[in-house]
PDB file of N, CA and C in Angstrom:
ATOM      1  N   MET A   1       8.343  -0.408 -31.580  1.00  0.00           N
ATOM      2  CA  MET A   1       8.667  -1.786 -31.861  1.00  0.00           C
ATOM      3  C   MET A   1       9.934  -2.207 -31.118  1.00  0.00           C
ATOM      4  N   SER A   2      10.879  -1.292 -31.003  1.00  0.00           N
ATOM      5  CA  SER A   2      12.131  -1.630 -30.311  1.00  0.00           C
ATOM      6  C   SER A   2      11.886  -1.856 -28.817  1.00  0.00           C
ATOM      7  N   VAL A   3      10.884  -1.167 -28.266  1.00  0.00           N
ATOM      8  CA  VAL A   3      10.559  -1.356 -26.851  1.00  0.00           C
ATOM      9  C   VAL A   3      10.051  -2.773 -26.622  1.00  0.00           C
ATOM     10  N   LEU A   4       9.189  -3.245 -27.516  1.00  0.00           N
ATOM     11  CA  LEU A   4       8.658  -4.599 -27.410  1.00  0.00           C
ATOM     12  C   LEU A   4       9.770  -5.629 -27.586  1.00  0.00           C
ATOM     13  N   LEU A   5      10.654  -5.383 -28.524  1.00  0.00           N
ATOM     14  CA  LEU A   5      11.775  -6.292 -28.760  1.00  0.00           C
ATOM     15  C   LEU A   5      12.706  -6.337 -27.553  1.00  0.00           C
ATOM     16  N   ASP A   6      12.978  -5.188 -26.942  1.00  0.00           N
ATOM     17  CA  ASP A   6      13.811  -5.149 -25.741  1.00  0.00           C
ATOM     18  C   ASP A   6      13.145  -5.907 -24.591  1.00  0.00           C
ATOM     19  N   TYR A   7      11.831  -5.755 -24.483  1.00  0.00           N
ATOM     20  CA  TYR A   7      11.095  -6.462 -23.438  1.00  0.00           C
ATOM     21  C   TYR A   7      11.188  -7.972 -23.642  1.00  0.00           C
ATOM     22  N   VAL A   8      10.988  -8.422 -24.857  1.00  0.00           N
ATOM     23  CA  VAL A   8      11.044  -9.861 -25.146  1.00  0.00           C
ATOM     24  C   VAL A   8      12.450 -10.390 -24.879  1.00  0.00           C
ATOM     25  N   LYS A   9      13.480  -9.648 -25.277  1.00  0.00           N
ATOM     26  CA  LYS A   9      14.864 -10.069 -25.021  1.00  0.00           C
ATOM     27  C   LYS A   9      15.140 -10.185 -23.526  1.00  0.00           C
ATOM     28  N   SER A  10      14.711  -9.197 -22.771  1.00  0.00           N
ATOM     29  CA  SER A  10      14.978  -9.234 -21.330  1.00  0.00           C
ATOM     30  C   SER A  10      14.189 -10.356 -20.666  1.00  0.00           C
ATOM     31  N   PHE A  11      12.960 -10.600 -21.122  1.00  0.00           N
ATOM     32  CA  PHE A  11      12.179 -11.682 -20.550  1.00  0.00           C
ATOM     33  C   PHE A  11      12.800 -13.034 -20.878  1.00  0.00           C
ATOM     34  N   LEU A  12      13.260 -13.224 -22.100  1.00  0.00           N
ATOM     35  CA  LEU A  12      13.912 -14.483 -22.468  1.00  0.00           C
ATOM     36  C   LEU A  12      15.203 -14.695 -21.690  1.00  0.00           C
ATOM     37  N   ALA A  13      15.965 -13.615 -21.479  1.00  0.00           N
ATOM     38  CA  ALA A  13      17.191 -13.719 -20.689  1.00  0.00           C
ATOM     39  C   ALA A  13      16.855 -14.122 -19.251  1.00  0.00           C
ATOM     40  N   LEU A  14      15.812 -13.543 -18.693  1.00  0.00           N
ATOM     41  CA  LEU A  14      15.374 -13.890 -17.345  1.00  0.00           C
ATOM     42  C   LEU A  14      14.914 -15.345 -17.292  1.00  0.00           C
ATOM     43  N   PHE A  15      14.156 -15.766 -18.287  1.00  0.00           N
ATOM     44  CA  PHE A  15      13.674 -17.134 -18.349  1.00  0.00           C
ATOM     45  C   PHE A  15      14.836 -18.122 -18.427  1.00  0.00           C
ATOM     46  N   LEU A  16      15.812 -17.835 -19.276  1.00  0.00           N
ATOM     47  CA  LEU A  16      16.971 -18.728 -19.407  1.00  0.00           C
ATOM     48  C   LEU A  16      17.791 -18.767 -18.119  1.00  0.00           C
ATOM     49  N   LEU A  17      17.962 -17.631 -17.488  1.00  0.00           N
ATOM     50  CA  LEU A  17      18.704 -17.588 -16.231  1.00  0.00           C
ATOM     51  C   LEU A  17      18.011 -18.430 -15.162  1.00  0.00           C
ATOM     52  N   ILE A  18      16.712 -18.322 -15.075  1.00  0.00           N
ATOM     53  CA  ILE A  18      15.972 -19.110 -14.086  1.00  0.00           C
ATOM     54  C   ILE A  18      16.063 -20.597 -14.405  1.00  0.00           C
ATOM     55  N   LYS A  19      15.951 -20.962 -15.676  1.00  0.00           N
ATOM     56  CA  LYS A  19      16.056 -22.372 -16.059  1.00  0.00           C
ATOM     57  C   LYS A  19      17.435 -22.937 -15.728  1.00  0.00           C
ATOM     58  N   ILE A  20      18.477 -22.151 -15.919  1.00  0.00           N
ATOM     59  CA  ILE A  20      19.835 -22.601 -15.584  1.00  0.00           C
ATOM     60  C   ILE A  20      19.965 -22.801 -14.084  1.00  0.00           C
ATOM     61  N   LEU A  21      19.431 -21.849 -13.313  1.00  0.00           N
ATOM     62  CA  LEU A  21      19.486 -21.984 -11.854  1.00  0.00           C
ATOM     63  C   LEU A  21      18.707 -23.201 -11.381  1.00  0.00           C
ATOM     64  N   LEU A  22      17.558 -23.463 -11.978  1.00  0.00           N
ATOM     65  CA  LEU A  22      16.779 -24.639 -11.609  1.00  0.00           C
ATOM     66  C   LEU A  22      17.517 -25.925 -11.967  1.00  0.00           C
ATOM     67  N   TYR A  23      18.231 -25.901 -13.069  1.00  0.00           N
ATOM     68  CA  TYR A  23      18.976 -27.089 -13.497  1.00  0.00           C
ATOM     69  C   TYR A  23      20.157 -27.358 -12.567  1.00  0.00           C
ATOM     70  N   LEU A  24      20.819 -26.302 -12.104  1.00  0.00           N
ATOM     71  CA  LEU A  24      22.009 -26.459 -11.259  1.00  0.00           C
ATOM     72  C   LEU A  24      21.676 -26.726  -9.789  1.00  0.00           C
ATOM     73  N   ALA A  25      20.478 -26.410  -9.377  1.00  0.00           N
ATOM     74  CA  ALA A  25      20.089 -26.573  -7.966  1.00  0.00           C
ATOM     75  C   ALA A  25      19.895 -28.054  -7.648  1.00  0.00           C
ATOM     76  N   PRO A  26      20.085 -28.412  -6.362  1.00  0.00           N
ATOM     77  CA  PRO A  26      19.808 -29.796  -5.957  1.00  0.00           C
ATOM     78  C   PRO A  26      18.343 -30.135  -6.226  1.00  0.00           C
ATOM     79  N   LYS A  27      18.132 -31.263  -6.850  1.00  0.00           N
ATOM     80  CA  LYS A  27      16.781 -31.613  -7.304  1.00  0.00           C
ATOM     81  C   LYS A  27      15.818 -31.888  -6.165  1.00  0.00           C
ATOM     82  N   LYS A  28      16.240 -32.629  -5.179  1.00  0.00           N
ATOM     83  CA  LYS A  28      15.303 -33.084  -4.150  1.00  0.00           C
ATOM     84  C   LYS A  28      15.032 -32.025  -3.091  1.00  0.00           C
ATOM     85  N   ASN A  29      16.058 -31.336  -2.680  1.00  0.00           N
ATOM     86  CA  ASN A  29      15.929 -30.466  -1.513  1.00  0.00           C
ATOM     87  C   ASN A  29      15.121 -29.200  -1.779  1.00  0.00           C
ATOM     88  N   PHE A  30      15.445 -28.483  -2.839  1.00  0.00           N
ATOM     89  CA  PHE A  30      14.884 -27.152  -3.029  1.00  0.00           C
ATOM     90  C   PHE A  30      14.045 -27.011  -4.288  1.00  0.00           C
ATOM     91  N   SER A  31      13.726 -28.090  -4.949  1.00  0.00           N
ATOM     92  CA  SER A  31      13.056 -27.971  -6.243  1.00  0.00           C
ATOM     93  C   SER A  31      11.681 -27.309  -6.122  1.00  0.00           C
ATOM     94  N   GLY A  32      10.921 -27.631  -5.100  1.00  0.00           N
ATOM     95  CA  GLY A  32       9.603 -27.021  -4.935  1.00  0.00           C
ATOM     96  C   GLY A  32       9.686 -25.529  -4.658  1.00  0.00           C
ATOM     97  N   TYR A  33      10.601 -25.159  -3.772  1.00  0.00           N
ATOM     98  CA  TYR A  33      10.763 -23.745  -3.437  1.00  0.00           C
ATOM     99  C   TYR A  33      11.257 -22.948  -4.641  1.00  0.00           C
ATOM    100  N   LEU A  34      12.254 -23.496  -5.316  1.00  0.00           N
ATOM    101  CA  LEU A  34      12.807 -22.785  -6.467  1.00  0.00           C
ATOM    102  C   LEU A  34      11.785 -22.668  -7.591  1.00  0.00           C
ATOM    103  N   SER A  35      10.995 -23.681  -7.803  1.00  0.00           N
ATOM    104  CA  SER A  35       9.958 -23.606  -8.838  1.00  0.00           C
ATOM    105  C   SER A  35       8.942 -22.516  -8.506  1.00  0.00           C
ATOM    106  N   PHE A  36       8.538 -22.460  -7.250  1.00  0.00           N
ATOM    107  CA  PHE A  36       7.567 -21.442  -6.844  1.00  0.00           C
ATOM    108  C   PHE A  36       8.128 -20.041  -7.038  1.00  0.00           C
ATOM    109  N   PHE A  37       9.326 -19.793  -6.495  1.00  0.00           N
ATOM    110  CA  PHE A  37       9.896 -18.452  -6.585  1.00  0.00           C
ATOM    111  C   PHE A  37      10.273 -18.077  -8.007  1.00  0.00           C
ATOM    112  N   SER A  38      10.695 -19.042  -8.791  1.00  0.00           N
ATOM    113  CA  SER A  38      10.991 -18.718 -10.183  1.00  0.00           C
ATOM    114  C   SER A  38       9.706 -18.356 -10.924  1.00  0.00           C
ATOM    115  N   GLY A  39       8.607 -19.026 -10.605  1.00  0.00           N
ATOM    116  CA  GLY A  39       7.323 -18.655 -11.199  1.00  0.00           C
ATOM    117  C   GLY A  39       6.894 -17.257 -10.816  1.00  0.00           C
ATOM    118  N   VAL A  40       7.114 -16.907  -9.551  1.00  0.00           N
ATOM    119  CA  VAL A  40       6.769 -15.559  -9.098  1.00  0.00           C
ATOM    120  C   VAL A  40       7.625 -14.521  -9.823  1.00  0.00           C
ATOM    121  N   ILE A  41       8.903 -14.796  -9.962  1.00  0.00           N
ATOM    122  CA  ILE A  41       9.798 -13.857 -10.643  1.00  0.00           C
ATOM    123  C   ILE A  41       9.409 -13.717 -12.106  1.00  0.00           C
ATOM    124  N   LEU A  42       9.083 -14.822 -12.755  1.00  0.00           N
ATOM    125  CA  LEU A  42       8.653 -14.744 -14.150  1.00  0.00           C
ATOM    126  C   LEU A  42       7.338 -13.976 -14.293  1.00  0.00           C
ATOM    127  N   ALA A  43       6.419 -14.199 -13.358  1.00  0.00           N
ATOM    128  CA  ALA A  43       5.149 -13.467 -13.405  1.00  0.00           C
ATOM    129  C   ALA A  43       5.384 -11.970 -13.240  1.00  0.00           C
ATOM    130  N   LEU A  44       6.267 -11.613 -12.309  1.00  0.00           N
ATOM    131  CA  LEU A  44       6.588 -10.195 -12.134  1.00  0.00           C
ATOM    132  C   LEU A  44       7.282  -9.633 -13.363  1.00  0.00           C
ATOM    133  N   GLY A  45       8.130 -10.446 -13.985  1.00  0.00           N
ATOM    134  CA  GLY A  45       8.796 -10.011 -15.209  1.00  0.00           C
ATOM    135  C   GLY A  45       7.810  -9.768 -16.330  1.00  0.00           C
ATOM    136  N   MET A  46       6.765 -10.583 -16.390  1.00  0.00           N
ATOM    137  CA  MET A  46       5.745 -10.392 -17.419  1.00  0.00           C
ATOM    138  C   MET A  46       4.858  -9.194 -17.111  1.00  0.00           C
ATOM    139  N   LEU A  47       4.591  -8.957 -15.840  1.00  0.00           N
ATOM    140  CA  LEU A  47       3.698  -7.873 -15.436  1.00  0.00           C
ATOM    141  C   LEU A  47       4.375  -6.508 -15.367  1.00  0.00           C
ATOM    142  N   TYR A  48       5.691  -6.488 -15.382  1.00  0.00           N
ATOM    143  CA  TYR A  48       6.411  -5.225 -15.206  1.00  0.00           C
ATOM    144  C   TYR A  48       5.996  -4.163 -16.222  1.00  0.00           C
ATOM    145  N   PRO A  49       5.938  -4.465 -17.514  1.00  0.00           N
ATOM    146  CA  PRO A  49       5.510  -3.415 -18.458  1.00  0.00           C
ATOM    147  C   PRO A  49       4.072  -2.955 -18.226  1.00  0.00           C
ATOM    148  N   ILE A  50       3.207  -3.872 -17.817  1.00  0.00           N
ATOM    149  CA  ILE A  50       1.815  -3.498 -17.556  1.00  0.00           C
ATOM    150  C   ILE A  50       1.745  -2.588 -16.336  1.00  0.00           C
ATOM    151  N   LEU A  51       2.497  -2.932 -15.304  1.00  0.00           N
ATOM    152  CA  LEU A  51       2.536  -2.082 -14.113  1.00  0.00           C
ATOM    153  C   LEU A  51       3.121  -0.721 -14.435  1.00  0.00           C
ATOM    154  N   LYS A  52       4.061  -0.700 -15.346  1.00  0.00           N
ATOM    155  CA  LYS A  52       4.681   0.555 -15.734  1.00  0.00           C
ATOM    156  C   LYS A  52       3.671   1.446 -16.457  1.00  0.00           C
ATOM    157  N   LEU A  53       2.749   0.843 -17.207  1.00  0.00           N
ATOM    158  CA  LEU A  53       1.733   1.620 -17.903  1.00  0.00           C
ATOM    159  C   LEU A  53       0.728   2.236 -16.930  1.00  0.00           C
ATOM    160  N   PHE A  54       0.340   1.489 -15.883  1.00  0.00           N
ATOM    161  CA  PHE A  54      -0.692   1.945 -14.964  1.00  0.00           C
ATOM    162  C   PHE A  54      -0.183   2.887 -13.877  1.00  0.00           C
ATOM    163  N   GLY A  55       1.068   2.889 -13.644  1.00  0.00           N
ATOM    164  CA  GLY A  55       1.583   3.770 -12.603  1.00  0.00           C
ATOM    165  C   GLY A  55       3.096   3.805 -12.650  1.00  0.00           C
ATOM    166  N   SER A  56       3.603   4.809 -12.028  1.00  0.00           N
ATOM    167  CA  SER A  56       5.055   4.938 -12.021  1.00  0.00           C
ATOM    168  C   SER A  56       5.667   3.947 -11.047  1.00  0.00           C
ATOM    169  N   GLU A  57       6.929   3.673 -11.232  1.00  0.00           N
ATOM    170  CA  GLU A  57       7.637   2.755 -10.351  1.00  0.00           C
ATOM    171  C   GLU A  57       7.711   3.308  -8.929  1.00  0.00           C
ATOM    172  N   GLU A  58       7.853   4.612  -8.827  1.00  0.00           N
ATOM    173  CA  GLU A  58       7.961   5.226  -7.518  1.00  0.00           C
ATOM    174  C   GLU A  58       6.679   5.026  -6.704  1.00  0.00           C
ATOM    175  N   ALA A  59       5.532   5.131  -7.375  1.00  0.00           N
ATOM    176  CA  ALA A  59       4.265   4.947  -6.667  1.00  0.00           C
ATOM    177  C   ALA A  59       4.132   3.514  -6.170  1.00  0.00           C
ATOM    178  N   LEU A  60       4.564   2.564  -6.981  1.00  0.00           N
ATOM    179  CA  LEU A  60       4.504   1.161  -6.575  1.00  0.00           C
ATOM    180  C   LEU A  60       5.427   0.907  -5.394  1.00  0.00           C
ATOM    181  N   LEU A  61       6.645   1.423  -5.460  1.00  0.00           N
ATOM    182  CA  LEU A  61       7.587   1.257  -4.351  1.00  0.00           C
ATOM    183  C   LEU A  61       7.086   1.954  -3.098  1.00  0.00           C
ATOM    184  N   GLU A  62       6.460   3.104  -3.269  1.00  0.00           N
ATOM    185  CA  GLU A  62       5.917   3.825  -2.125  1.00  0.00           C
ATOM    186  C   GLU A  62       4.802   3.021  -1.459  1.00  0.00           C
ATOM    187  N   LYS A  63       3.958   2.393  -2.255  1.00  0.00           N
ATOM    188  CA  LYS A  63       2.875   1.572  -1.714  1.00  0.00           C
ATOM    189  C   LYS A  63       3.433   0.368  -0.966  1.00  0.00           C
ATOM    190  N   ILE A  64       4.467  -0.254  -1.520  1.00  0.00           N
ATOM    191  CA  ILE A  64       5.087  -1.402  -0.855  1.00  0.00           C
ATOM    192  C   ILE A  64       5.692  -0.977   0.475  1.00  0.00           C
ATOM    193  N   GLN A  65       6.377   0.165   0.475  1.00  0.00           N
ATOM    194  CA  GLN A  65       6.980   0.652   1.709  1.00  0.00           C
ATOM    195  C   GLN A  65       5.905   1.008   2.737  1.00  0.00           C
ATOM    196  N   TYR A  66       4.789   1.570   2.286  1.00  0.00           N
ATOM    197  CA  TYR A  66       3.698   1.896   3.208  1.00  0.00           C
ATOM    198  C   TYR A  66       3.127   0.627   3.820  1.00  0.00           C
ATOM    199  N   GLU A  67       2.960  -0.410   3.017  1.00  0.00           N
ATOM    200  CA  GLU A  67       2.431  -1.667   3.542  1.00  0.00           C
ATOM    201  C   GLU A  67       3.387  -2.282   4.554  1.00  0.00           C
ATOM    202  N   GLU A  68       4.700  -2.187   4.292  1.00  0.00           N
ATOM    203  CA  GLU A  68       5.684  -2.689   5.255  1.00  0.00           C
ATOM    204  C   GLU A  68       5.599  -1.899   6.551  1.00  0.00           C
ATOM    205  N   TRP A  69       5.457  -0.577   6.448  1.00  0.00           N
ATOM    206  CA  TRP A  69       5.345   0.271   7.628  1.00  0.00           C
ATOM    207  C   TRP A  69       4.092  -0.081   8.403  1.00  0.00           C
ATOM    208  N   GLU A  70       2.988  -0.277   7.680  1.00  0.00           N
ATOM    209  CA  GLU A  70       1.718  -0.614   8.326  1.00  0.00           C
ATOM    210  C   GLU A  70       1.829  -1.953   9.062  1.00  0.00           C
ATOM    211  N   GLU A  71       2.521  -2.915   8.461  1.00  0.00           N
ATOM    212  CA  GLU A  71       2.709  -4.211   9.103  1.00  0.00           C
ATOM    213  C   GLU A  71       3.547  -4.077  10.369  1.00  0.00           C
ATOM    214  N   LYS A  72       4.590  -3.249  10.322  1.00  0.00           N
ATOM    215  CA  LYS A  72       5.419  -3.030  11.504  1.00  0.00           C
ATOM    216  C   LYS A  72       4.613  -2.362  12.619  1.00  0.00           C
ATOM    217  N   MET A  73       3.765  -1.410  12.256  1.00  0.00           N
ATOM    218  CA  MET A  73       2.930  -0.744  13.261  1.00  0.00           C
ATOM    219  C   MET A  73       1.960  -1.736  13.889  1.00  0.00           C
ATOM    220  N   TYR A  74       1.415  -2.640  13.092  1.00  0.00           N
ATOM    221  CA  TYR A  74       0.510  -3.656  13.623  1.00  0.00           C
ATOM    222  C   TYR A  74       1.249  -4.561  14.605  1.00  0.00           C
ATOM    223  N   GLU A  75       2.464  -4.976  14.239  1.00  0.00           N
ATOM    224  CA  GLU A  75       3.264  -5.812  15.134  1.00  0.00           C
ATOM    225  C   GLU A  75       3.590  -5.070  16.416  1.00  0.00           C
ATOM    226  N   LEU A  76       3.896  -3.771  16.313  1.00  0.00           N
ATOM    227  CA  LEU A  76       4.182  -2.977  17.510  1.00  0.00           C
ATOM    228  C   LEU A  76       2.949  -2.856  18.401  1.00  0.00           C
ATOM    229  N   SER A  77       1.772  -2.715  17.798  1.00  0.00           N
ATOM    230  CA  SER A  77       0.561  -2.620  18.619  1.00  0.00           C
ATOM    231  C   SER A  77       0.298  -3.941  19.333  1.00  0.00           C
ATOM    232  N   ILE A  78       0.563  -5.057  18.667  1.00  0.00           N
ATOM    233  CA  ILE A  78       0.409  -6.366  19.323  1.00  0.00           C
ATOM    234  C   ILE A  78       1.397  -6.485  20.478  1.00  0.00           C
ATOM    235  N   ASP A  79       2.645  -6.062  20.247  1.00  0.00           N
ATOM    236  CA  ASP A  79       3.643  -6.105  21.311  1.00  0.00           C
ATOM    237  C   ASP A  79       3.248  -5.204  22.473  1.00  0.00           C
ATOM    238  N   ALA A  80       2.691  -4.039  22.164  1.00  0.00           N
ATOM    239  CA  ALA A  80       2.272  -3.121  23.230  1.00  0.00           C
ATOM    240  C   ALA A  80       1.137  -3.723  24.052  1.00  0.00           C
ATOM    241  N   LYS A  81       0.197  -4.368  23.386  1.00  0.00           N
ATOM    242  CA  LYS A  81      -0.900  -5.015  24.112  1.00  0.00           C
ATOM    243  C   LYS A  81      -0.381  -6.152  24.983  1.00  0.00           C
ATOM    244  N   ARG A  82       0.557  -6.919  24.443  1.00  0.00           N
ATOM    245  CA  ARG A  82       1.149  -8.017  25.203  1.00  0.00           C
ATOM    246  C   ARG A  82       1.898  -7.467  26.414  1.00  0.00           C
ATOM    247  N   TRP A  83       2.656  -6.396  26.217  1.00  0.00           N
ATOM    248  CA  TRP A  83       3.389  -5.787  27.311  1.00  0.00           C
ATOM    249  C   TRP A  83       2.415  -5.261  28.367  1.00  0.00           C
ATOM    250  N   GLN A  84       1.324  -4.645  27.930  1.00  0.00           N
ATOM    251  CA  GLN A  84       0.333  -4.107  28.857  1.00  0.00           C
ATOM    252  C   GLN A  84      -0.295  -5.232  29.666  1.00  0.00           C
ATOM    253  N   THR A  85      -0.610  -6.342  29.003  1.00  0.00           N
ATOM    254  CA  THR A  85      -1.214  -7.483  29.705  1.00  0.00           C
ATOM    255  C   THR A  85      -0.244  -8.062  30.714  1.00  0.00           C
ATOM    256  N   GLU A  86       1.006  -8.232  30.332  1.00  0.00           N
ATOM    257  CA  GLU A  86       2.016  -8.766  31.243  1.00  0.00           C
ATOM    258  C   GLU A  86       2.241  -7.826  32.421  1.00  0.00           C
ATOM    259  N   SER A  87       2.287  -6.528  32.156  1.00  0.00           N
ATOM    260  CA  SER A  87       2.485  -5.560  33.239  1.00  0.00           C
ATOM    261  C   SER A  87       1.320  -5.595  34.214  1.00  0.00           C
ATOM    262  N   LEU A  88       0.112  -5.706  33.680  1.00  0.00           N
ATOM    263  CA  LEU A  88      -1.068  -5.783  34.538  1.00  0.00           C
ATOM    264  C   LEU A  88      -1.038  -7.045  35.389  1.00  0.00           C
ATOM    265  N   LYS A  89      -0.631  -8.164  34.816  1.00  0.00           N
ATOM    266  CA  LYS A  89      -0.537  -9.411  35.580  1.00  0.00           C
ATOM    267  C   LYS A  89       0.502  -9.281  36.692  1.00  0.00           C
ATOM    268  N   GLN A  90       1.647  -8.695  36.366  1.00  0.00           N
ATOM    269  CA  GLN A  90       2.687  -8.517  37.379  1.00  0.00           C
ATOM    270  C   GLN A  90       2.209  -7.594  38.495  1.00  0.00           C
ATOM    271  N   TYR A  91       1.505  -6.533  38.113  1.00  0.00           N
ATOM    272  CA  TYR A  91       0.981  -5.612  39.109  1.00  0.00           C
ATOM    273  C   TYR A  91      -0.037  -6.308  40.011  1.00  0.00           C
ATOM    274  N   GLU A  92      -0.919  -7.096  39.426  1.00  0.00           N
ATOM    275  CA  GLU A  92      -1.919  -7.816  40.218  1.00  0.00           C
ATOM    276  C   GLU A  92      -1.254  -8.817  41.155  1.00  0.00           C
ATOM    277  N   ASN A  93      -0.232  -9.529  40.674  1.00  0.00           N
ATOM    278  CA  ASN A  93       0.493 -10.473  41.531  1.00  0.00           C
ATOM    279  C   ASN A  93       1.166  -9.754  42.690  1.00  0.00           C
ATOM    280  N   LEU A  94       1.790  -8.639  42.393  1.00  0.00           N
ATOM    281  CA  LEU A  94       2.450  -7.854  43.438  1.00  0.00           C
ATOM    282  C   LEU A  94       1.437  -7.337  44.448  1.00  0.00           C
ATOM    283  N   LEU A  95       0.296  -6.881  43.974  1.00  0.00           N
ATOM    284  CA  LEU A  95      -0.749  -6.387  44.860  1.00  0.00           C
ATOM    285  C   LEU A  95      -1.276  -7.510  45.757  1.00  0.00           C
ATOM    286  N   GLU A  96      -1.468  -8.699  45.199  1.00  0.00           N
ATOM    287  CA  GLU A  96      -1.914  -9.838  46.001  1.00  0.00           C
ATOM    288  C   GLU A  96      -0.885 -10.198  47.070  1.00  0.00           C
ATOM    289  N   GLU A  97       0.397 -10.162  46.705  1.00  0.00           N
ATOM    290  CA  GLU A  97       1.446 -10.458  47.683  1.00  0.00           C
ATOM    291  C   GLU A  97       1.433  -9.439  48.815  1.00  0.00           C
ATOM    292  N   VAL A  98       1.283  -8.175  48.482  1.00  0.00           N
ATOM    293  CA  VAL A  98       1.260  -7.124  49.507  1.00  0.00           C
ATOM    294  C   VAL A  98       0.049  -7.303  50.402  1.00  0.00           C
ATOM    295  N   MET A  99      -1.086  -7.612  49.811  1.00  0.00           N
ATOM    296  CA  MET A  99      -2.293  -7.806  50.618  1.00  0.00           C
ATOM    297  C   MET A  99      -2.162  -9.029  51.524  1.00  0.00           C
ATOM    298  N   GLN A 100      -1.542 -10.083  51.045  1.00  0.00           N
ATOM    299  CA  GLN A 100      -1.349 -11.275  51.866  1.00  0.00           C
ATOM    300  C   GLN A 100      -0.396 -10.988  53.016  1.00  0.00           C
ATOM    301  N   THR A 101       0.677 -10.286  52.746  1.00  0.00           N
ATOM    302  CA  THR A 101       1.623  -9.967  53.824  1.00  0.00           C
ATOM    303  C   THR A 101       0.976  -9.049  54.852  1.00  0.00           C
ATOM    304  N   GLU A 102       0.164  -8.096  54.402  1.00  0.00           N
ATOM    305  CA  GLU A 102      -0.519  -7.214  55.337  1.00  0.00           C
ATOM    306  C   GLU A 102      -1.541  -7.975  56.173  1.00  0.00           C
ATOM    307  N   SER A 103      -2.248  -8.929  55.544  1.00  0.00           N
ATOM    308  CA  SER A 103      -3.232  -9.699  56.312  1.00  0.00           C
ATOM    309  C   SER A 103      -2.529 -10.616  57.306  1.00  0.00           C
ATOM    310  N   LEU A 104      -1.370 -11.153  56.943  1.00  0.00           N
ATOM    311  CA  LEU A 104      -0.608 -11.981  57.870  1.00  0.00           C
ATOM    312  C   LEU A 104      -0.095 -11.145  59.043  1.00  0.00           C
ATOM    313  N   GLU A 105       0.378  -9.939  58.753  1.00  0.00           N
ATOM    314  CA  GLU A 105       0.854  -9.057  59.809  1.00  0.00           C
ATOM    315  C   GLU A 105      -0.297  -8.628  60.724  1.00  0.00           C
ATOM    316  N   GLY A 106      -1.496  -8.413  60.118  1.00  0.00           N
ATOM    317  CA  GLY A 106      -2.679  -8.045  60.910  1.00  0.00           C
ATOM    318  C   GLY A 106      -3.083  -9.179  61.823  1.00  0.00           C
ATOM    319  N   GLU A 107      -2.999 -10.409  61.375  1.00  0.00           N
ATOM    320  CA  GLU A 107      -3.341 -11.569  62.199  1.00  0.00           C
ATOM    321  C   GLU A 107      -2.332 -11.727  63.332  1.00  0.00           C
ATOM    322  N   ARG A 108      -1.070 -11.443  63.081  1.00  0.00           N
ATOM    323  CA  ARG A 108      -0.040 -11.559  64.103  1.00  0.00           C
ATOM    324  C   ARG A 108      -0.256 -10.508  65.209  1.00  0.00           C
ATOM    325  N   ASN A 109      -0.674  -9.327  64.817  1.00  0.00           N
ATOM    326  CA  ASN A 109      -0.873  -8.245  65.778  1.00  0.00           C
ATOM    327  C   ASN A 109      -2.087  -8.472  66.647  1.00  0.00           C
ATOM    328  N   GLU A 110      -3.026  -9.247  66.178  1.00  0.00           N
ATOM    329  CA  GLU A 110      -4.262  -9.458  66.962  1.00  0.00           C
ATOM    330  C   GLU A 110      -4.071 -10.463  67.988  1.00  0.00           C
TER     331      GLU A 110
END
């Protein structure tokens, strides 16, 4: 019972803190962003005990870190493909220039 009471207390404290921040923030500029992120934080606050039941915190953090690593690897593969394409274009341009200069020199010699 004390675990449930501690959870409710911490959730209410989080809720009050978010409401205070929303009240103090500029109304027009950031209200949409703050409402969205405060909703996400509250949802995570509500789901935290459920996530704790289904798996350890370390496993969740490990999965998040793996997803971040996977995203970085995907970005690196895109960069590598872009670099390969650019290098191939530069090589083809250089080859065309060399062939043109050689054909011009061949015409001069004839």
